[in-house]
Each structure stands twice: as structure tokens, then as C-alpha cells.
Amino acid sequence: MAPSVSPDAALAEARSIIDAFALSENADKAVINLNGLMVERLHLDQALRLAAKADAINTKGKAL
């Protein structure tokens, strides 16, 4: 069974991946080292989708 990760922790990790790939030294890299872990562009794509969903939920919640 996979370990459970809180939604807040998953979103924080996603945002750190997004921030790391946004750095100029990582902009053209396919793989980076983030806190000792190998992170690929596919993880960036997943992180962007998760952050977009979280932002949409937060925006909808504020509109109610």
C-alpha cells in the first residue's frame, strides 16, 4: 500500500517542482535534482495540472 500524503503536502510539493523548473538554470533541462530526488518534466506536467485544479477549487470556493 502506498503511503498517504495530505492534499496540502501534495500541493506544496507540486508548487516546489513548478518553482524549480522555473529557475533559469533548469529551464531547458529534462531532469533535475530536487531535494535529492530525480524530477522529470513529466512530474512538472503533473504538478501544473494539480496546481491548476487547486486554484480552480479555491477560486470557486471564494465565489460562493
C-alpha atoms as a PDB file:
ATOM      1  CA  MET A   1       0.000   0.000   0.000  1.00  0.00           C
ATOM      2  CA  ALA A   2       1.330   3.439  -0.919  1.00  0.00           C
ATOM      3  CA  PRO A   3       1.899   5.909   1.902  1.00  0.00           C
ATOM      4  CA  SER A   4      -0.784   8.534   2.356  1.00  0.00           C
ATOM      5  CA  VAL A   5       0.083  12.151   1.553  1.00  0.00           C
ATOM      6  CA  SER A   6      -2.068  15.042   2.671  1.00  0.00           C
ATOM      7  CA  PRO A   7      -3.549  17.274  -0.044  1.00  0.00           C
ATOM      8  CA  ASP A   8      -1.643  20.254   1.374  1.00  0.00           C
ATOM      9  CA  ALA A   9       1.658  18.355   1.222  1.00  0.00           C
ATOM     10  CA  ALA A  10       0.976  17.208  -2.343  1.00  0.00           C
ATOM     11  CA  LEU A  11       0.187  20.769  -3.420  1.00  0.00           C
ATOM     12  CA  ALA A  12       3.295  22.128  -1.682  1.00  0.00           C
ATOM     13  CA  GLU A  13       5.424  19.531  -3.472  1.00  0.00           C
ATOM     14  CA  ALA A  14       3.785  20.388  -6.793  1.00  0.00           C
ATOM     15  CA  ARG A  15       4.482  24.087  -6.303  1.00  0.00           C
ATOM     16  CA  SER A  16       8.127  23.363  -5.404  1.00  0.00           C
ATOM     17  CA  ILE A  17       8.505  21.347  -8.632  1.00  0.00           C
ATOM     18  CA  ILE A  18       6.974  24.206 -10.628  1.00  0.00           C
ATOM     19  CA  ASP A  19       9.276  26.727  -8.943  1.00  0.00           C
ATOM     20  CA  ALA A  20      12.356  24.566  -9.507  1.00  0.00           C
ATOM     21  CA  PHE A  21      11.733  24.168 -13.243  1.00  0.00           C
ATOM     22  CA  ALA A  22      11.052  27.924 -13.496  1.00  0.00           C
ATOM     23  CA  LEU A  23      14.625  28.708 -12.449  1.00  0.00           C
ATOM     24  CA  SER A  24      16.748  29.841 -15.388  1.00  0.00           C
ATOM     25  CA  GLU A  25      19.353  27.122 -14.782  1.00  0.00           C
ATOM     26  CA  ASN A  26      16.652  24.434 -15.069  1.00  0.00           C
ATOM     27  CA  ALA A  27      14.562  25.882 -17.890  1.00  0.00           C
ATOM     28  CA  ASP A  28      15.995  23.632 -20.598  1.00  0.00           C
ATOM     29  CA  LYS A  29      16.589  20.523 -18.512  1.00  0.00           C
ATOM     30  CA  ALA A  30      14.540  17.353 -18.889  1.00  0.00           C
ATOM     31  CA  VAL A  31      15.539  16.102 -15.417  1.00  0.00           C
ATOM     32  CA  ILE A  32      16.547  17.979 -12.272  1.00  0.00           C
ATOM     33  CA  ASN A  33      17.576  17.107  -8.736  1.00  0.00           C
ATOM     34  CA  LEU A  34      15.097  18.466  -6.209  1.00  0.00           C
ATOM     35  CA  ASN A  35      15.881  17.765  -2.565  1.00  0.00           C
ATOM     36  CA  GLY A  36      17.796  14.632  -3.523  1.00  0.00           C
ATOM     37  CA  LEU A  37      15.075  13.303  -5.814  1.00  0.00           C
ATOM     38  CA  MET A  38      15.171  12.944  -9.580  1.00  0.00           C
ATOM     39  CA  VAL A  39      12.315  15.003 -11.014  1.00  0.00           C
ATOM     40  CA  GLU A  40      11.426  14.807 -14.699  1.00  0.00           C
ATOM     41  CA  ARG A  41       9.401  17.107 -16.936  1.00  0.00           C
ATOM     42  CA  LEU A  42       6.507  14.652 -16.714  1.00  0.00           C
ATOM     43  CA  HIS A  43       6.400  15.469 -12.995  1.00  0.00           C
ATOM     44  CA  LEU A  44       6.254  19.153 -13.923  1.00  0.00           C
ATOM     45  CA  ASP A  45       3.242  18.451 -16.137  1.00  0.00           C
ATOM     46  CA  GLN A  46       1.539  16.605 -13.273  1.00  0.00           C
ATOM     47  CA  ALA A  47       2.398  19.420 -10.865  1.00  0.00           C
ATOM     48  CA  LEU A  48       0.954  22.047 -13.204  1.00  0.00           C
ATOM     49  CA  ARG A  49      -2.305  20.087 -13.520  1.00  0.00           C
ATOM     50  CA  LEU A  50      -2.587  19.656  -9.750  1.00  0.00           C
ATOM     51  CA  ALA A  51      -1.896  23.353  -9.101  1.00  0.00           C
ATOM     52  CA  ALA A  52      -4.449  24.372 -11.742  1.00  0.00           C
ATOM     53  CA  LYS A  53      -7.100  22.151 -10.138  1.00  0.00           C
ATOM     54  CA  ALA A  54      -6.333  23.546  -6.678  1.00  0.00           C
ATOM     55  CA  ASP A  55      -6.508  27.117  -7.977  1.00  0.00           C
ATOM     56  CA  ALA A  56      -9.844  26.405  -9.687  1.00  0.00           C
ATOM     57  CA  ILE A  57     -11.265  24.919  -6.492  1.00  0.00           C
ATOM     58  CA  ASN A  58     -10.046  27.879  -4.435  1.00  0.00           C
ATOM     59  CA  THR A  59     -11.470  30.363  -6.937  1.00  0.00           C
ATOM     60  CA  LYS A  60     -14.832  28.594  -6.985  1.00  0.00           C
ATOM     61  CA  GLY A  61     -14.908  28.454  -3.187  1.00  0.00           C
ATOM     62  CA  LYS A  62     -14.305  32.197  -2.921  1.00  0.00           C
ATOM     63  CA  ALA A  63     -17.111  32.937  -5.384  1.00  0.00           C
ATOM     64  CA  LEU A  64     -19.689  31.143  -3.245  1.00  0.00           C
END
